[in-house]
Protein backbone atom coordinates (compact mmCIF):
# COMPACT_ATOMS: atom_id res chain seq x y z
CA MET A 1 4.00 12.85 15.28
CA LYS A 2 6.68 14.02 12.15
CA SER A 3 9.73 12.43 14.20
CA LEU A 4 7.71 9.25 15.67
CA ILE A 5 9.08 6.41 14.37
CA ILE A 6 5.66 4.36 14.46
CA MET A 7 6.04 0.67 12.40
CA SER A 8 6.13 -2.77 12.37
CA LEU A 9 9.60 -3.65 13.57
CA PHE A 10 11.21 -6.15 11.33
CA LEU A 11 13.47 -8.15 13.57
CA SER A 12 15.42 -11.23 11.93
CA LEU A 13 18.36 -13.68 12.72
CA GLY A 14 22.09 -12.94 14.56
CA ALA A 15 22.60 -11.65 17.42
CA TYR A 16 26.08 -12.06 20.08
CA ALA A 17 26.43 -15.00 22.16
CA ARG A 18 24.20 -17.54 20.31
CA LEU A 19 23.77 -20.76 20.80
CA SER A 20 25.56 -21.63 17.71
CA ASP A 21 28.59 -19.58 18.19
CA GLY A 22 31.76 -21.44 18.06
CA LYS A 23 30.07 -24.60 16.95
CA ALA A 24 31.30 -24.15 12.96
CA THR A 25 35.02 -24.14 11.98
CA LEU A 26 36.91 -23.33 8.97
CA GLN A 27 39.95 -24.14 7.49
CA VAL A 28 41.67 -24.40 4.28
CA GLU A 29 43.05 -27.27 2.82
CA LYS A 30 45.14 -26.49 -0.44
CA THR A 31 42.82 -24.20 -2.84
CA LYS A 32 39.34 -25.57 -0.57
CA LEU A 33 37.54 -23.80 2.64
CA VAL A 34 36.39 -26.27 4.30
CA GLY A 35 33.56 -25.94 7.36
CA HIS A 36 32.62 -28.56 9.82
CA VAL A 37 30.63 -28.20 12.82
CA ALA A 38 30.23 -29.50 16.42
CA ALA A 39 28.68 -32.12 17.65
CA GLY A 40 24.27 -31.34 18.27
CA PHE A 41 24.80 -28.65 15.45
CA HIS A 42 24.13 -28.85 11.39
CA PHE A 43 24.56 -26.99 8.43
CA ASN A 44 21.71 -25.86 7.24
CA LYS A 45 21.31 -27.27 3.67
CA GLU A 46 18.37 -25.66 2.54
CA ALA A 47 19.06 -21.91 3.70
CA PRO A 48 21.97 -19.96 1.48
CA ALA A 49 25.39 -20.12 2.01
CA SER A 50 27.87 -17.83 -0.23
CA LEU A 51 31.08 -16.98 -1.35
CA MET A 52 32.07 -13.60 -2.09
CA VAL A 53 35.40 -12.65 -3.54
CA ALA A 54 35.39 -9.73 -5.26
CA GLY A 55 31.82 -8.88 -6.20
CA GLN A 56 31.47 -12.08 -7.19
CA GLU A 57 29.20 -14.82 -5.54
CA SER A 58 29.69 -18.78 -5.60
CA THR A 59 28.15 -21.03 -3.91
CA PRO A 60 29.26 -24.12 -2.15
CA VAL A 61 31.46 -27.28 -3.98
CA LYS A 62 29.38 -28.92 -1.16
CA LYS A 63 26.85 -28.72 0.78
CA GLU A 64 25.94 -31.43 3.73
CA GLU A 65 24.66 -31.00 7.46
CA LYS A 66 28.27 -31.92 8.58
CA GLU A 67 30.50 -30.53 5.92
CA LEU A 68 30.48 -27.67 4.22
CA ILE A 69 33.32 -26.35 1.05
CA PHE A 70 33.83 -23.99 -0.97
CA ASP A 71 36.52 -22.70 -4.04
CA LEU A 72 38.82 -20.62 -2.92
CA SER A 73 40.90 -21.00 -6.04
CA LYS A 74 40.05 -17.32 -7.05
CA ALA A 75 40.66 -15.86 -3.70
CA GLU A 76 44.38 -16.01 -2.81
CA GLY A 77 45.48 -12.36 -1.85
CA LYS A 78 41.84 -11.39 -2.04
CA SER A 79 39.28 -10.41 1.15
CA PHE A 80 36.60 -12.27 0.91
CA GLN A 81 33.48 -13.36 2.73
CA VAL A 82 32.12 -16.35 3.47
CA SER A 83 27.85 -16.50 5.07
CA PHE A 84 25.83 -19.81 6.20
CA TYR A 85 23.59 -21.39 8.54
CA VAL A 86 24.39 -23.04 11.26
CA CYS A 87 20.93 -24.91 13.16
CA ASP A 88 21.17 -27.15 16.37
CA ASP A 89 20.03 -31.18 15.87
CA LYS A 90 16.98 -30.24 18.35
CA LYS A 91 15.74 -27.53 15.90
CA THR A 92 15.22 -24.88 17.90
CA VAL A 93 17.68 -22.22 16.71
CA CYS A 94 19.03 -21.63 13.08
CA GLU A 95 21.20 -19.01 12.93
CA GLU A 96 23.35 -16.94 10.19
CA HIS A 97 26.62 -16.93 9.92
CA LYS A 98 28.87 -14.77 8.48
CA TYR A 99 32.44 -13.64 7.83
CA ASP A 100 35.35 -11.53 6.48
CA TYR A 101 38.61 -13.14 5.61
CA MET A 102 41.76 -12.69 3.51
CA LEU A 103 43.89 -15.46 2.02
CA LYS A 104 47.48 -15.06 1.89
CA SER A 105 49.99 -17.80 0.90
CA GLY A 106 46.89 -20.88 1.21
CA LYS A 107 46.74 -18.90 5.37
CA LEU A 108 42.74 -17.50 6.33
CA LEU A 109 43.40 -14.71 7.94
CA ALA A 110 40.47 -12.42 9.69
CA GLY A 111 39.20 -9.80 7.58
CA ALA A 112 40.76 -6.42 8.89
CA GLY A 113 38.06 -4.80 11.63
CA SER A 114 36.30 -7.98 12.10
CA ALA A 115 35.71 -9.36 15.76
CA VAL A 116 33.63 -11.77 14.58
CA ALA A 117 35.38 -13.13 12.11
CA SER A 118 38.78 -13.60 14.69
CA ALA A 119 36.27 -15.18 16.84
CA SER A 120 35.60 -17.22 13.59
CA VAL A 121 39.59 -17.76 12.85
CA GLN A 122 39.66 -19.01 17.17
CA ALA A 123 37.26 -21.59 16.38
CA SER A 124 39.07 -23.72 12.94
CA GLN A 125 41.98 -23.24 15.82
CA GLU A 126 40.17 -24.91 17.82
CA LYS A 127 39.62 -22.42 20.13
CA SER A 128 36.53 -21.71 22.55
CA VAL A 129 34.30 -18.40 22.04
CA LYS A 130 32.80 -16.97 24.88
CA SER A 131 29.75 -16.90 24.64
CA ASP A 132 29.34 -14.08 27.95
CA LYS A 133 31.79 -11.89 26.70
CA VAL A 134 30.77 -8.33 26.86
CA HIS A 135 31.45 -6.34 23.71
CA MET A 136 30.98 -2.48 24.34
CA ASN A 137 30.32 0.60 22.13
CA SER A 138 32.52 3.85 21.53
CA HIS A 139 29.36 5.22 24.42
CA GLY A 140 29.87 2.77 27.10
CA PHE A 141 26.80 0.32 25.89
CA ILE A 142 26.82 -3.38 25.69
CA GLU A 143 26.02 -4.46 22.74
CA ASN A 144 23.24 -6.19 22.40
CA ASN A 145 23.46 -8.52 25.41
CA ILE A 146 20.63 -8.14 28.07
CA GLU A 147 21.28 -11.18 30.24
CA ALA A 148 24.81 -9.82 30.84
CA ALA A 149 23.53 -5.65 31.31
CA LEU A 150 21.64 -6.93 34.14
CA LYS A 151 24.00 -9.40 35.85
CA LYS A 152 25.92 -6.24 35.76
CA ALA A 153 23.27 -4.27 38.08
CA ASP A 154 22.41 -7.01 40.19
CA LYS A 155 26.33 -7.52 40.97
CA GLU A 156 27.36 -3.68 40.97
CA LYS A 157 23.62 -2.65 42.82
CA LYS A 158 22.72 -0.72 39.78
CA LEU A 159 19.62 0.40 37.40
CA VAL A 160 19.56 -0.18 33.57
CA LEU A 161 19.12 1.93 30.79
CA VAL A 162 18.28 -0.07 27.63
CA ASP A 163 18.03 1.98 24.29
CA TYR A 164 16.16 -0.75 21.78
CA GLY A 165 16.84 0.47 17.99
CA ALA A 166 17.71 -0.19 14.56
CA PRO A 167 20.02 1.33 12.47
CA TRP A 168 17.65 2.15 10.24
CA CYS A 169 15.53 4.10 12.57
CA PRO A 170 16.09 7.47 11.74
CA ALA A 171 15.45 9.08 15.60
CA CYS A 172 17.56 5.44 16.81
CA VAL A 173 20.69 7.30 15.03
CA ARG A 174 20.19 10.73 15.87
CA LEU A 175 20.07 9.80 19.60
CA GLU A 176 23.46 7.49 18.59
CA THR A 177 25.09 10.11 16.72
CA GLU A 178 23.96 13.08 18.56
CA VAL A 179 23.33 12.66 22.18
CA PHE A 180 24.90 9.60 23.78
CA GLY A 181 28.26 10.99 22.97
CA THR A 182 27.48 14.39 25.18
CA LYS A 183 28.41 15.60 28.26
CA GLU A 184 24.50 16.14 29.53
CA PHE A 185 24.12 12.86 28.65
CA LYS A 186 27.17 11.15 30.30
CA GLY A 187 26.56 12.70 33.12
CA ALA A 188 22.90 12.08 33.71
CA THR A 189 23.51 8.42 32.87
CA LYS A 190 27.10 7.89 34.94
CA LYS A 191 25.76 5.68 37.63
CA LEU A 192 23.47 3.02 35.30
CA VAL A 193 24.65 -0.33 33.34
CA LYS A 194 23.90 0.71 29.87
CA VAL A 195 22.99 -1.73 26.89
CA ALA A 196 21.55 -1.34 23.37
CA LEU A 197 19.91 -3.21 21.60
CA ASN A 198 19.16 -3.54 18.07
CA SER A 199 15.76 -4.53 17.20
CA ASP A 200 16.16 -6.80 13.97
CA LEU A 201 18.37 -8.99 15.60
CA ALA A 202 15.98 -12.10 16.39
CA ALA A 203 17.93 -12.55 20.05
CA ASN A 204 16.05 -8.97 21.05
CA LYS A 205 12.85 -10.35 19.69
CA ALA A 206 11.83 -11.57 22.69
CA PHE A 207 12.65 -8.73 24.72
CA GLY A 208 10.83 -6.66 22.13
CA ASP A 209 7.72 -8.65 22.89
CA LYS A 210 7.93 -8.70 26.58
CA TYR A 211 8.13 -4.80 27.05
CA GLN A 212 5.87 -4.42 23.98
CA ILE A 213 7.48 -2.18 22.32
CA LYS A 214 5.98 -0.93 19.35
CA ALA A 215 7.95 1.97 18.29
CA LEU A 216 11.61 3.54 18.17
CA PRO A 217 13.71 4.06 19.69
CA THR A 218 12.21 3.25 22.95
CA LEU A 219 14.46 3.96 26.00
CA LEU A 220 13.91 1.73 29.53
CA ILE A 221 15.33 2.31 32.85
CA LEU A 222 14.79 -1.49 34.32
CA ASN A 223 16.09 -2.72 37.76
CA ALA A 224 18.39 -6.05 37.76
CA GLN A 225 15.44 -8.00 38.01
CA GLY A 226 14.01 -6.94 34.40
CA GLU A 227 11.47 -4.71 36.11
CA GLU A 228 10.55 -1.72 34.26
CA LEU A 229 10.58 1.50 35.92
CA TYR A 230 10.81 4.19 33.23
CA ARG A 231 9.98 4.41 29.43
CA SER A 232 10.90 7.37 27.15
CA LEU A 233 9.86 7.60 23.52
CA ASP A 234 11.36 8.88 20.27
CA PHE A 235 14.08 11.72 19.71
CA LYS A 236 15.16 14.01 22.36
CA PRO A 237 18.26 16.18 22.25
CA ALA A 238 20.53 15.59 24.58
CA LYS A 239 20.00 18.78 27.34
CA SER A 240 16.32 17.41 27.33
CA LEU A 241 16.42 13.63 27.62
CA SER A 242 19.36 14.34 30.27
CA GLN A 243 17.18 15.93 32.33
CA GLU A 244 14.20 13.79 31.65
CA LEU A 245 16.54 10.80 32.85
CA THR A 246 17.60 12.83 36.01
CA VAL A 247 14.29 13.15 36.91
CA ALA A 248 13.50 9.94 36.85
CA LEU A 249 15.52 8.43 38.04
CA LYS A 250 14.68 10.56 41.88
CA LYS A 251 11.89 8.19 42.51
CA THR A 252 12.20 4.64 40.91
CA THR A 253 9.16 3.01 41.45
CA SER A 254 7.97 -0.35 39.65
CA LEU A 255 4.59 -0.45 37.14
CA VAL A 256 3.47 -2.96 39.24
CA GLU A 257 3.71 -0.99 42.00
CA LEU A 258 2.90 2.33 40.51
CA GLU A 259 -0.27 1.15 39.35
CA LYS A 260 -1.37 0.22 42.47
CA GLN A 261 -0.46 4.07 43.84
CA ALA A 262 -2.68 4.91 40.45
CA GLU A 263 -5.15 3.11 40.78
CA ALA A 264 -5.71 4.12 44.41
CA GLY A 265 -6.54 7.65 43.30
CA ASP A 266 -2.54 9.07 43.64
CA ARG A 267 -3.16 11.77 40.16
CA THR A 268 1.23 11.91 40.18
CA ALA A 269 1.06 8.07 39.53
CA GLN A 270 -2.03 8.26 37.31
CA MET A 271 0.20 10.68 35.08
CA LYS A 272 3.35 8.54 35.09
CA MET A 273 0.69 5.50 33.68
CA ALA A 274 -0.82 7.67 31.29
CA GLU A 275 3.33 8.41 29.98
CA ASN A 276 4.21 5.07 30.42
CA ALA A 277 0.92 3.98 28.12
CA PHE A 278 1.46 6.75 25.51
CA ASN A 279 5.46 5.81 25.17
CA LYS A 280 3.93 2.22 24.83
CA LEU A 281 1.57 3.55 22.06
CA ASP A 282 -1.08 1.50 24.10
CA MET A 283 -3.16 3.98 23.26
CA ALA A 284 -6.92 2.73 24.87
CA ALA A 285 -4.75 2.68 28.39
CA ALA A 286 -3.44 6.71 27.91
CA VAL A 287 -7.04 7.38 27.34
CA LYS A 288 -8.32 5.46 30.10
CA TRP A 289 -5.87 7.48 32.51
CA TYR A 290 -5.63 10.97 30.93
CA GLU A 291 -9.53 10.55 31.05
CA LYS A 292 -9.36 10.45 34.53
CA LEU A 293 -7.01 13.25 35.24
CA GLN A 294 -9.58 15.24 32.75
CA ASP A 295 -6.10 16.20 31.18
CA LYS A 296 -6.03 18.63 28.11
CA SER A 297 -3.15 18.51 27.26
CA ALA A 298 -2.02 17.31 23.30
CA PHE A 299 -0.41 13.94 24.75
CA TYR A 300 -4.45 13.21 25.90
CA ALA A 301 -5.56 14.19 22.31
CA TYR A 302 -3.16 12.25 20.30
CA ALA A 303 -3.46 9.26 22.22
CA GLU A 304 -7.77 9.64 21.79
CA MET A 305 -7.30 10.56 17.99
CA GLY A 306 -4.32 7.70 17.60
CA LEU A 307 -6.72 5.09 18.91
CA TRP A 308 -10.12 6.09 17.24
CA ALA A 309 -7.59 6.31 14.02
CA GLU A 310 -7.33 2.77 14.69
CA LYS A 311 -10.56 1.77 15.22
CA ASN A 312 -11.31 3.51 11.68
CA GLU A 313 -8.93 1.69 10.30
CA LYS A 314 -10.26 -1.65 11.20
CA ASP A 315 -13.78 -0.83 10.81
CA LYS A 316 -15.04 2.31 8.68
CA LYS A 317 -17.90 1.99 11.00
CA ASP A 318 -16.16 3.69 13.44
CA ARG A 319 -15.29 6.96 10.96
CA ASP A 320 -17.76 8.92 12.27
CA GLY A 321 -16.32 8.71 15.78
CA TYR A 322 -12.89 9.44 14.35
CA ILE A 323 -14.24 12.63 12.70
CA GLN A 324 -16.13 13.64 16.52
CA VAL A 325 -12.87 13.41 18.43
CA LEU A 326 -10.81 15.02 15.38
CA LYS A 327 -13.29 17.96 15.71
CA LYS A 328 -13.28 17.21 19.70
CA TRP A 329 -9.39 18.34 19.41
CA ILE A 330 -9.71 20.96 17.01
CA ALA A 331 -12.20 23.17 18.72
CA GLN A 332 -10.13 22.39 21.71
CA ASP A 333 -6.98 24.30 21.23
CA PRO A 334 -7.83 25.59 17.84
CA ASN A 335 -4.11 27.83 16.87
CA SER A 336 -2.20 24.97 18.19
CA TYR A 337 -0.16 22.23 15.90
CA THR A 338 -2.69 19.75 17.51
CA ALA A 339 -5.91 21.15 15.70
CA ALA A 340 -3.41 22.13 12.20
CA SER A 341 -2.16 18.27 12.12
CA ALA A 342 -6.07 17.17 13.12
CA ARG A 343 -7.32 19.57 10.28
CA ASN A 344 -5.74 17.82 7.75
CA ASP A 345 -6.33 14.53 9.19
CA LEU A 346 -9.88 15.62 8.57
CA ALA A 347 -9.69 15.92 4.99
CA ALA A 348 -7.97 13.18 5.03
CA LEU A 349 -10.66 10.88 5.71
CA TYR A 350 -13.03 12.40 2.98
CA ALA A 351 -10.27 12.34 0.18
CA GLU A 352 -12.05 9.63 -1.73
CA ASP A 353 -15.39 10.61 -1.35
CA LYS A 354 -16.87 11.75 -4.88
CA LYS A 355 -18.81 14.89 -3.48
CA GLY A 356 -15.80 16.42 -2.34
CA LEU A 357 -14.70 17.80 1.25
CA PRO A 358 -18.19 19.36 3.56
CA GLU A 359 -18.12 22.65 3.65
CA ASP A 360 -16.95 22.70 7.62
CA VAL A 361 -13.64 20.45 6.58
CA LYS A 362 -13.35 23.32 4.31
CA ALA A 363 -14.18 25.99 6.58
CA GLU A 364 -11.44 24.60 9.21
CA LEU A 365 -8.81 23.99 6.12
CA ASN A 366 -9.31 27.86 5.63
CA LYS A 367 -8.63 28.51 9.46
CA ASN A 368 -4.88 26.75 8.64
CA MET A 369 -4.42 28.98 5.45
CA GLU A 370 -4.98 31.75 8.04
CA LEU A 371 -2.80 30.42 11.11
CA LEU A 372 0.39 28.82 9.18
CA PRO A 373 1.78 31.21 6.76
CA ALA A 374 3.02 33.74 9.43
CA ILE A 375 4.09 30.82 11.77
CA ALA A 376 6.15 28.72 8.71
CA GLY A 377 7.68 32.68 7.64
CA SER A 378 9.55 32.81 10.64
CA ALA A 379 11.85 29.76 12.67
CA GLN A 380 11.17 31.55 16.22
CA LYS A 381 7.45 31.19 16.28
CA SER A 382 7.82 27.96 14.26
CA HIS A 383 9.71 26.73 17.76
CA GLU A 384 7.20 28.03 19.89
CA PHE A 385 4.48 26.25 18.22
CA PHE A 386 5.88 22.81 18.81
CA THR A 387 6.98 24.02 22.29
CA ALA A 388 3.75 24.31 23.25
CA TRP A 389 2.20 21.42 21.52
CA SER A 390 5.48 19.50 23.21
CA VAL A 391 5.06 15.83 21.89
CA SER A 392 7.41 15.57 19.69
CA ASP A 393 10.50 17.40 18.92
CA LEU A 394 10.94 18.99 15.54
CA LYS A 395 13.92 20.08 15.35
CA PRO A 396 16.26 21.16 12.96
CA PHE A 397 12.65 21.21 10.83
CA GLU A 398 10.19 22.67 12.74
CA GLN A 399 9.58 25.46 9.63
CA GLU A 400 9.29 22.83 6.73
CA GLU A 401 6.81 20.97 8.73
CA VAL A 402 4.98 23.61 9.23
CA MET A 403 5.46 24.26 5.37
CA SER A 404 4.22 20.65 5.44
CA VAL A 405 0.99 21.39 7.60
CA TRP A 406 0.36 24.52 5.20
CA LEU A 407 1.00 22.31 1.67
CA SER A 408 -1.17 19.92 2.62
CA SER A 409 -4.27 21.93 3.70
CA ALA A 410 -3.43 23.96 0.49
CA LYS A 411 -3.67 21.13 -1.61
CA SER A 412 -7.08 19.90 -0.63
CA LEU A 413 -8.27 22.81 -1.19
CA LYS A 414 -7.19 22.86 -4.79
CA LYS A 415 -5.09 26.03 -4.00
CA ASP A 416 -2.34 25.06 -6.61
CA ASP A 417 -0.89 28.55 -6.92
CA ILE A 418 -0.46 28.44 -3.10
CA ALA A 419 0.70 25.29 -3.11
CA LYS A 420 3.69 26.41 -5.73
CA GLN A 421 4.05 29.02 -3.46
CA ILE A 422 4.58 27.28 -0.69
CA VAL A 423 6.69 24.21 -2.39
CA THR A 424 9.31 27.72 -3.36
CA GLN A 425 9.42 29.00 0.15
CA LEU A 426 10.06 25.20 1.35
CA LYS A 427 12.57 24.52 -1.37
CA ASP A 428 14.63 27.82 -0.36
CA LEU A 429 13.87 26.79 3.61
CA LEU A 430 16.19 23.63 2.42
CA THR A 431 18.46 25.09 0.52
CA LYS A 432 20.22 27.14 3.34
CA LYS A 433 20.03 24.46 5.75
CA ASP A 434 22.65 23.23 7.73
CA LEU A 435 23.08 19.42 7.15
CA SER A 436 26.29 17.38 7.54
CA ALA A 437 26.82 13.85 7.04
CA LYS A 438 28.33 13.33 10.67
CA ARG A 439 24.31 13.97 11.43
CA PRO A 440 23.44 11.09 9.03
CA GLY A 441 20.00 10.79 11.24
CA GLU A 442 19.04 14.21 10.39
CA ILE A 443 19.55 13.83 6.52
CA MET A 444 17.02 10.73 7.12
CA THR A 445 14.88 12.44 8.89
CA GLY A 446 14.44 15.07 6.06
CA GLN A 447 13.99 12.79 3.19
CA SER A 448 10.61 13.40 3.12
CA TYR A 449 11.17 16.91 3.44
CA PHE A 450 13.48 16.81 0.14
CA ARG A 451 10.52 14.49 -1.07
CA THR A 452 7.67 17.21 -0.34
CA ALA A 453 10.00 19.89 -1.91
CA GLY A 454 10.61 18.06 -5.39
CA MET A 455 14.01 18.61 -4.92
CA LYS A 456 15.66 14.73 -6.29
CA ALA A 457 19.01 16.20 -6.66
CA GLU A 458 19.66 16.99 -3.52
CA GLU A 459 18.27 14.27 -2.66
CA GLU A 460 19.97 12.30 -4.40
CA ALA A 461 23.17 13.91 -3.50
CA TRP A 462 22.90 13.55 0.61
CA LEU A 463 22.09 9.98 0.04
CA VAL A 464 25.47 9.50 -1.98
CA LYS A 465 26.92 11.59 0.69
CA LEU A 466 25.39 8.79 3.45
CA VAL A 467 26.77 6.24 1.27
CA GLU A 468 30.36 7.58 0.37
CA ALA A 469 30.48 8.52 4.04
CA TYR A 470 29.65 5.25 6.04
CA PRO A 471 29.86 2.29 2.91
CA ASP A 472 30.03 -0.51 4.92
CA THR A 473 26.39 0.32 6.39
CA TYR A 474 23.49 -1.09 3.95
CA VAL A 475 21.12 1.58 5.30
CA TYR A 476 22.40 3.78 2.99
CA HIS A 477 22.96 1.50 0.16
CA MET A 478 19.47 0.78 0.84
CA ARG A 479 17.90 3.83 0.95
CA LEU A 480 19.45 5.12 -1.92
CA ALA A 481 18.51 2.25 -4.04
CA ARG A 482 14.93 2.85 -3.43
CA PHE A 483 15.71 6.64 -3.89
CA TYR A 484 16.46 5.43 -7.90
CA SER A 485 13.47 2.69 -7.55
CA ARG A 486 11.44 5.41 -6.96
CA ASN A 487 12.04 7.76 -10.01
CA LYS A 488 12.30 4.58 -12.20
CA GLU A 489 16.48 4.64 -12.49
CA HIS A 490 16.71 1.11 -11.59
CA ALA A 491 20.08 0.74 -13.53
CA LYS A 492 21.48 2.66 -10.71
CA ALA A 493 19.29 1.01 -8.30
CA LEU A 494 20.76 -2.16 -9.10
CA PRO A 495 24.34 -2.09 -7.49
CA GLU A 496 22.94 -0.28 -4.59
CA ALA A 497 20.28 -3.00 -4.03
CA VAL A 498 23.28 -5.94 -4.33
CA LYS A 499 25.33 -4.08 -1.95
CA ALA A 500 22.64 -3.74 0.61
CA VAL A 501 21.96 -7.57 0.27
CA GLU A 502 25.71 -8.23 1.03
CA LEU A 503 26.20 -5.95 3.68
CA GLY A 504 22.85 -6.24 5.82
CA PRO A 505 22.40 -9.93 6.93
CA GLU A 506 19.91 -8.46 9.55
CA TRP A 507 17.82 -7.27 6.89
CA ARG A 508 18.36 -9.58 4.17
CA LEU A 509 15.18 -10.43 3.43
CA GLN A 510 13.39 -7.03 2.53
CA ASN A 511 16.35 -6.31 0.91
CA LEU A 512 16.09 -8.85 -1.64
CA GLN A 513 13.17 -8.40 -2.37
CA LEU A 514 14.31 -4.88 -3.14
CA LEU A 515 16.93 -6.19 -5.39
CA ALA A 516 14.17 -8.85 -7.10
CA GLN A 517 11.63 -6.28 -7.93
CA THR A 518 14.28 -4.01 -9.11
CA GLN A 519 16.05 -7.03 -11.61
CA LYS A 520 12.72 -7.60 -12.78
CA GLU A 521 12.74 -3.85 -13.56
CA LEU A 522 15.47 -4.39 -16.04
CA ASN A 523 14.33 -7.41 -17.43
CA GLN A 524 16.72 -9.95 -16.23
CA LYS A 525 14.44 -12.42 -14.92
CA GLU A 526 16.06 -15.12 -14.09
CA GLU A 527 18.67 -13.25 -11.86
CA ALA A 528 15.44 -12.30 -10.27
CA LYS A 529 13.99 -15.56 -9.77
CA LYS A 530 17.69 -16.73 -8.14
CA SER A 531 16.95 -13.54 -5.72
CA ILE A 532 13.45 -14.52 -4.67
CA GLU A 533 14.36 -18.28 -4.18
CA ARG A 534 16.75 -17.04 -2.12
CA ALA A 535 15.17 -15.24 -0.04
CA LEU A 536 12.69 -17.76 0.47
CA ALA A 537 15.03 -20.17 1.65
CA LEU A 538 15.99 -17.83 4.49
CA PRO A 539 14.78 -19.21 7.48
CA GLU A 540 13.16 -15.75 8.19
CA ALA A 541 11.37 -15.92 5.09
CA LYS A 542 8.95 -19.24 7.44
CA LEU A 543 8.42 -16.74 10.16
CA GLU A 544 5.00 -15.51 10.75
CA ARG A 545 6.10 -11.69 10.80
CA TYR A 546 7.37 -11.49 7.90
CA LYS A 547 4.27 -13.89 5.99
CA LYS A 548 3.63 -10.87 3.44
CA ILE A 549 7.08 -10.37 2.57
CA ALA A 550 6.95 -13.73 1.74
CA GLN A 551 3.47 -13.87 -0.25
CA SER A 552 4.88 -10.32 -1.97
CA LEU A 553 7.20 -12.46 -2.94
CA GLU A 554 5.82 -15.65 -4.24
CA GLU A 555 3.50 -13.63 -6.09
CA LEU A 556 6.55 -11.35 -8.05
CA LYS A 557 7.65 -14.74 -8.94
CA LYS A 558 3.92 -15.33 -11.06
CA THR A 559 4.81 -12.41 -13.41
CA LEU A 560 8.62 -13.49 -14.37
């Protein structure tokens, strides 16, 4: 499932309507920016605090639990950014505050377009910040406030549509830029209260845990009591997603009631339970329901193959069982995308075997060599290929995906001449691709195909266009930095990594890791040490879900 974003959800600190919002006040005293906190709260002395002016970062001249002081002597007439952490004395939360300001004639002004900074200026003037204020985005979604959405739904007797995603997720960005603003989607959701939750924000972590969200983007329909009624996974074009939601809204039954009906033998309920489990990536439950239905769909195939892939990952003793499941679904529909991709998965299981590929696996790969060329050469045939598969929407990269599967088979069979021909065709196809910075999610999705085709210049050019189109978004600076690092162009990676750290507080730990690695490659050992220390001082570095990143940073530190 090429477009399905199946990965761990990296969550960090920060959100609207947090416990510490409005508890810090900032004011100018001559050439100093002085911060104080309300009773019951304190500045985190161990966490990083900084002032960024014209790309130059400085630390506080005084950093105490009740007072924070920065030097503003070089900030007059300039925009600057200040960041620090505020914790409650009970130590239940420790949240980052990050604001943009301008110092003009000794007065503190909110940075242009900074709603959060405006709120902070109000706080510095001893005005309260309302924690229940609802922020709406351009598509009519309440932002990062599930409580407000449920309250509104209860009051208006409506259901809630939750968009749970992240700015680094290509499919999430595609929904945002290609679907949510369309007439079809707006029409299908006009009677719903809509809320967008950024999975990277700590305040939304509990929601993701509660609803067992393992992949992005996930759309949920909830009633006003928060009961799940429907779940959709992955990117879908406006027309198909709107139709899906319209059908779902015609009969809304809670999962608890639906499961009772399914256990009683209701086949419609069983199918809905199977679909929900699949979209939850609970492959064991999905297989259970598909087995009851004696289903032969690609969804059942991917659920069972996914289940056995997980088993094999945990214990290599399950490899034979995984092999048999792959062979089962290859035989079920040998001319399908399910079979074509499963053949490559089968070959991958033997990749490290010194004996090479077994003859029966070579025979299966040769079937791909017979099946895929004609499909890859036709946009219409590629579209029909994936329409029959139906698991995930791969437009506008259907032909490219077929070529990638074909190329993988050719490489496994060591048919180098054919592999070169496929790469040439793939390059030609990508060169003619109608991409646009207005559709950034498509470009992010297409990166893997550019990489497969060895089109470094084209991949770089599109990433640069995204940075230029969205200069204040950390995601594209991060992606460009990673591109340069991957291609050993560390000097080019450095400013992009710095910008990613500056712009992405919710991903600061990961971006500081990237920055430290880049600094190490440039032999900037002292700077790398500072980046590592800064990262390890972040509150999220102490969390269990970031344990591997923290360990990696500690190991990196030892090499400096």
